[in-house]
Amino acid sequence: MAQVIVKKWGNSPSVRLPAAIVRAASLHVDDVVELSVEDGKITIIPVRAKEYTLDALMAGVSGENIHGEIDFGEPAGKELL
């Protein structure tokens, strides 16, 4: 556990996250986090992009939502066909 001081940043109060806490949470500068308060405790939760498997994506394809073939025209560079 680390102890920090609430300081002013512009018109808002803020806290600086110690480097050890940031590393332990696998956070980086400009990462998106969710903040919540419950029973007077502030929780910071990293927002991670959901990862999908090809099988999970293909399971969502049905006869009703599948589209037909799309023609993108002739190759314009070094595309592999």
N, C-alpha and C. Protein backbone atom coordinates (compact mmCIF):
# COMPACT_ATOMS: atom_id res chain seq x y z
N MET A 1 0.86 -1.17 0.00
CA MET A 1 0.00 0.00 0.00
C MET A 1 0.90 1.23 0.00
N ALA A 2 0.53 2.23 -0.77
CA ALA A 2 1.27 3.49 -0.83
C ALA A 2 0.38 4.60 -0.32
N GLN A 3 1.00 5.60 0.28
CA GLN A 3 0.25 6.75 0.76
C GLN A 3 0.64 7.96 -0.07
N VAL A 4 -0.34 8.68 -0.59
CA VAL A 4 -0.10 9.86 -1.42
C VAL A 4 -0.93 11.02 -0.88
N ILE A 5 -0.65 12.22 -1.37
CA ILE A 5 -1.37 13.42 -0.93
C ILE A 5 -2.24 13.92 -2.08
N VAL A 6 -3.47 14.28 -1.76
CA VAL A 6 -4.37 14.88 -2.75
C VAL A 6 -3.90 16.31 -2.99
N LYS A 7 -3.59 16.63 -4.23
CA LYS A 7 -3.12 17.97 -4.61
C LYS A 7 -4.08 18.57 -5.64
N LYS A 8 -3.91 19.83 -5.91
CA LYS A 8 -4.74 20.51 -6.91
C LYS A 8 -4.04 20.45 -8.26
N TRP A 9 -4.80 20.11 -9.31
CA TRP A 9 -4.30 20.11 -10.68
C TRP A 9 -5.34 20.87 -11.49
N GLY A 10 -5.04 22.08 -11.89
CA GLY A 10 -6.04 22.95 -12.50
C GLY A 10 -7.09 23.26 -11.47
N ASN A 11 -8.35 23.00 -11.79
CA ASN A 11 -9.44 23.23 -10.84
C ASN A 11 -9.86 21.95 -10.12
N SER A 12 -9.13 20.86 -10.34
CA SER A 12 -9.55 19.57 -9.79
C SER A 12 -8.53 19.03 -8.80
N PRO A 13 -9.01 18.31 -7.79
CA PRO A 13 -8.08 17.61 -6.92
C PRO A 13 -7.51 16.39 -7.67
N SER A 14 -6.29 16.01 -7.36
CA SER A 14 -5.68 14.88 -8.05
C SER A 14 -4.72 14.15 -7.12
N VAL A 15 -4.38 12.94 -7.51
CA VAL A 15 -3.34 12.17 -6.83
C VAL A 15 -2.37 11.65 -7.88
N ARG A 16 -1.11 11.58 -7.53
CA ARG A 16 -0.10 10.99 -8.41
C ARG A 16 0.05 9.53 -8.03
N LEU A 17 0.09 8.68 -9.03
CA LEU A 17 0.25 7.26 -8.76
C LEU A 17 1.75 6.93 -8.72
N PRO A 18 2.22 6.33 -7.64
CA PRO A 18 3.63 5.95 -7.58
C PRO A 18 3.99 4.96 -8.68
N ALA A 19 5.22 5.05 -9.18
CA ALA A 19 5.67 4.20 -10.28
C ALA A 19 5.50 2.72 -9.96
N ALA A 20 5.76 2.33 -8.73
CA ALA A 20 5.63 0.91 -8.36
C ALA A 20 4.18 0.44 -8.48
N ILE A 21 3.24 1.30 -8.12
CA ILE A 21 1.81 0.95 -8.23
C ILE A 21 1.43 0.84 -9.71
N VAL A 22 1.90 1.78 -10.51
CA VAL A 22 1.60 1.77 -11.95
C VAL A 22 2.14 0.50 -12.59
N ARG A 23 3.38 0.14 -12.25
CA ARG A 23 3.97 -1.09 -12.80
C ARG A 23 3.19 -2.33 -12.35
N ALA A 24 2.86 -2.38 -11.07
CA ALA A 24 2.14 -3.55 -10.53
C ALA A 24 0.78 -3.73 -11.20
N ALA A 25 0.15 -2.62 -11.61
CA ALA A 25 -1.16 -2.68 -12.26
C ALA A 25 -1.03 -2.77 -13.78
N SER A 26 0.21 -2.83 -14.29
CA SER A 26 0.47 -2.87 -15.75
C SER A 26 -0.18 -1.69 -16.45
N LEU A 27 -0.11 -0.52 -15.83
CA LEU A 27 -0.66 0.70 -16.43
C LEU A 27 0.44 1.46 -17.16
N HIS A 28 0.02 2.31 -18.09
CA HIS A 28 0.94 3.18 -18.82
C HIS A 28 0.31 4.56 -18.92
N VAL A 29 1.12 5.56 -19.17
CA VAL A 29 0.62 6.92 -19.36
C VAL A 29 -0.40 6.90 -20.50
N ASP A 30 -1.49 7.61 -20.32
CA ASP A 30 -2.60 7.74 -21.28
C ASP A 30 -3.50 6.51 -21.34
N ASP A 31 -3.30 5.50 -20.48
CA ASP A 31 -4.25 4.39 -20.40
C ASP A 31 -5.59 4.90 -19.88
N VAL A 32 -6.67 4.27 -20.30
CA VAL A 32 -8.00 4.62 -19.82
C VAL A 32 -8.31 3.75 -18.60
N VAL A 33 -8.85 4.39 -17.56
CA VAL A 33 -9.25 3.67 -16.35
C VAL A 33 -10.66 4.07 -15.97
N GLU A 34 -11.33 3.20 -15.23
CA GLU A 34 -12.64 3.52 -14.66
C GLU A 34 -12.44 3.83 -13.19
N LEU A 35 -13.12 4.87 -12.71
CA LEU A 35 -13.08 5.23 -11.30
C LEU A 35 -14.44 4.97 -10.70
N SER A 36 -14.45 4.43 -9.49
CA SER A 36 -15.70 4.24 -8.77
C SER A 36 -15.45 4.45 -7.29
N VAL A 37 -16.53 4.73 -6.58
CA VAL A 37 -16.45 4.92 -5.13
C VAL A 37 -17.49 4.01 -4.49
N GLU A 38 -17.05 3.22 -3.53
CA GLU A 38 -17.97 2.35 -2.80
C GLU A 38 -17.52 2.31 -1.34
N ASP A 39 -18.45 2.60 -0.46
CA ASP A 39 -18.16 2.65 0.98
C ASP A 39 -16.99 3.59 1.28
N GLY A 40 -16.93 4.71 0.56
CA GLY A 40 -15.89 5.70 0.80
C GLY A 40 -14.52 5.33 0.25
N LYS A 41 -14.42 4.24 -0.50
CA LYS A 41 -13.15 3.81 -1.07
C LYS A 41 -13.15 4.06 -2.57
N ILE A 42 -12.07 4.66 -3.06
CA ILE A 42 -11.92 4.93 -4.49
C ILE A 42 -11.23 3.73 -5.13
N THR A 43 -11.81 3.24 -6.21
CA THR A 43 -11.23 2.12 -6.94
C THR A 43 -10.88 2.57 -8.35
N ILE A 44 -9.69 2.21 -8.80
CA ILE A 44 -9.23 2.51 -10.16
C ILE A 44 -9.09 1.18 -10.88
N ILE A 45 -9.84 1.02 -11.98
CA ILE A 45 -9.83 -0.24 -12.73
C ILE A 45 -9.38 0.04 -14.16
N PRO A 46 -8.29 -0.60 -14.62
CA PRO A 46 -7.87 -0.42 -16.01
C PRO A 46 -8.94 -0.91 -16.97
N VAL A 47 -9.15 -0.17 -18.04
CA VAL A 47 -10.08 -0.57 -19.10
C VAL A 47 -9.24 -1.28 -20.16
N ARG A 48 -9.47 -2.55 -20.32
CA ARG A 48 -8.73 -3.35 -21.29
C ARG A 48 -9.64 -3.68 -22.47
N ALA A 49 -9.08 -3.62 -23.66
CA ALA A 49 -9.85 -3.98 -24.85
C ALA A 49 -10.18 -5.46 -24.77
N LYS A 50 -11.42 -5.79 -25.05
CA LYS A 50 -11.83 -7.19 -25.02
C LYS A 50 -11.19 -7.91 -26.20
N GLU A 51 -10.66 -9.08 -25.95
CA GLU A 51 -10.05 -9.88 -27.00
C GLU A 51 -11.01 -10.97 -27.43
N TYR A 52 -11.15 -11.12 -28.74
CA TYR A 52 -12.05 -12.12 -29.30
C TYR A 52 -11.24 -13.19 -30.02
N THR A 53 -11.73 -14.41 -29.97
CA THR A 53 -11.12 -15.48 -30.76
C THR A 53 -11.88 -15.56 -32.08
N LEU A 54 -11.23 -16.12 -33.08
CA LEU A 54 -11.90 -16.29 -34.37
C LEU A 54 -13.13 -17.17 -34.21
N ASP A 55 -13.02 -18.21 -33.38
CA ASP A 55 -14.17 -19.09 -33.16
C ASP A 55 -15.35 -18.32 -32.56
N ALA A 56 -15.07 -17.43 -31.61
CA ALA A 56 -16.15 -16.65 -30.99
C ALA A 56 -16.78 -15.70 -32.01
N LEU A 57 -15.96 -15.09 -32.85
CA LEU A 57 -16.51 -14.20 -33.88
C LEU A 57 -17.34 -14.98 -34.89
N MET A 58 -16.84 -16.12 -35.32
CA MET A 58 -17.56 -16.92 -36.31
C MET A 58 -18.87 -17.48 -35.74
N ALA A 59 -18.91 -17.71 -34.43
CA ALA A 59 -20.14 -18.21 -33.81
C ALA A 59 -21.27 -17.20 -33.93
N GLY A 60 -20.93 -15.92 -34.11
CA GLY A 60 -21.95 -14.89 -34.25
C GLY A 60 -22.48 -14.73 -35.67
N VAL A 61 -21.89 -15.43 -36.63
CA VAL A 61 -22.32 -15.33 -38.02
C VAL A 61 -23.48 -16.29 -38.25
N SER A 62 -24.54 -15.75 -38.85
CA SER A 62 -25.70 -16.59 -39.16
C SER A 62 -26.16 -16.28 -40.58
N GLY A 63 -27.11 -17.05 -41.03
CA GLY A 63 -27.67 -16.82 -42.36
C GLY A 63 -28.32 -15.45 -42.49
N GLU A 64 -28.79 -14.90 -41.36
CA GLU A 64 -29.47 -13.60 -41.38
C GLU A 64 -28.50 -12.42 -41.42
N ASN A 65 -27.28 -12.60 -40.90
CA ASN A 65 -26.40 -11.43 -40.83
C ASN A 65 -25.15 -11.55 -41.70
N ILE A 66 -25.02 -12.62 -42.47
CA ILE A 66 -23.85 -12.75 -43.33
C ILE A 66 -24.06 -11.93 -44.59
N HIS A 67 -23.00 -11.28 -45.05
CA HIS A 67 -23.13 -10.47 -46.26
C HIS A 67 -22.51 -11.22 -47.44
N GLY A 68 -22.81 -10.75 -48.61
CA GLY A 68 -22.28 -11.37 -49.82
C GLY A 68 -20.85 -10.92 -50.07
N GLU A 69 -20.29 -11.45 -51.14
CA GLU A 69 -18.92 -11.10 -51.52
C GLU A 69 -18.86 -9.63 -51.92
N ILE A 70 -17.75 -8.98 -51.60
CA ILE A 70 -17.57 -7.57 -51.91
C ILE A 70 -16.41 -7.43 -52.89
N ASP A 71 -16.62 -6.69 -53.97
CA ASP A 71 -15.58 -6.46 -54.97
C ASP A 71 -14.85 -5.17 -54.64
N PHE A 72 -13.57 -5.27 -54.34
CA PHE A 72 -12.77 -4.09 -54.03
C PHE A 72 -12.02 -3.58 -55.25
N GLY A 73 -12.27 -4.13 -56.41
CA GLY A 73 -11.61 -3.68 -57.63
C GLY A 73 -10.31 -4.42 -57.87
N GLU A 74 -9.57 -3.95 -58.85
CA GLU A 74 -8.30 -4.56 -59.23
C GLU A 74 -7.23 -4.25 -58.19
N PRO A 75 -6.22 -5.13 -58.05
CA PRO A 75 -5.11 -4.85 -57.15
C PRO A 75 -4.44 -3.53 -57.53
N ALA A 76 -4.05 -2.75 -56.53
CA ALA A 76 -3.44 -1.45 -56.79
C ALA A 76 -1.98 -1.41 -56.36
N GLY A 77 -1.47 -2.50 -55.85
CA GLY A 77 -0.10 -2.53 -55.35
C GLY A 77 0.42 -3.94 -55.33
N LYS A 78 0.96 -4.33 -54.19
CA LYS A 78 1.57 -5.66 -54.07
C LYS A 78 0.72 -6.58 -53.21
N GLU A 79 -0.59 -6.49 -53.34
CA GLU A 79 -1.48 -7.35 -52.57
C GLU A 79 -1.25 -8.81 -52.94
N LEU A 80 -1.37 -9.67 -51.97
CA LEU A 80 -1.30 -11.10 -52.22
C LEU A 80 -2.72 -11.61 -52.42
N LEU A 81 -2.92 -12.38 -53.44
CA LEU A 81 -4.25 -12.92 -53.71
C LEU A 81 -4.27 -14.40 -53.51
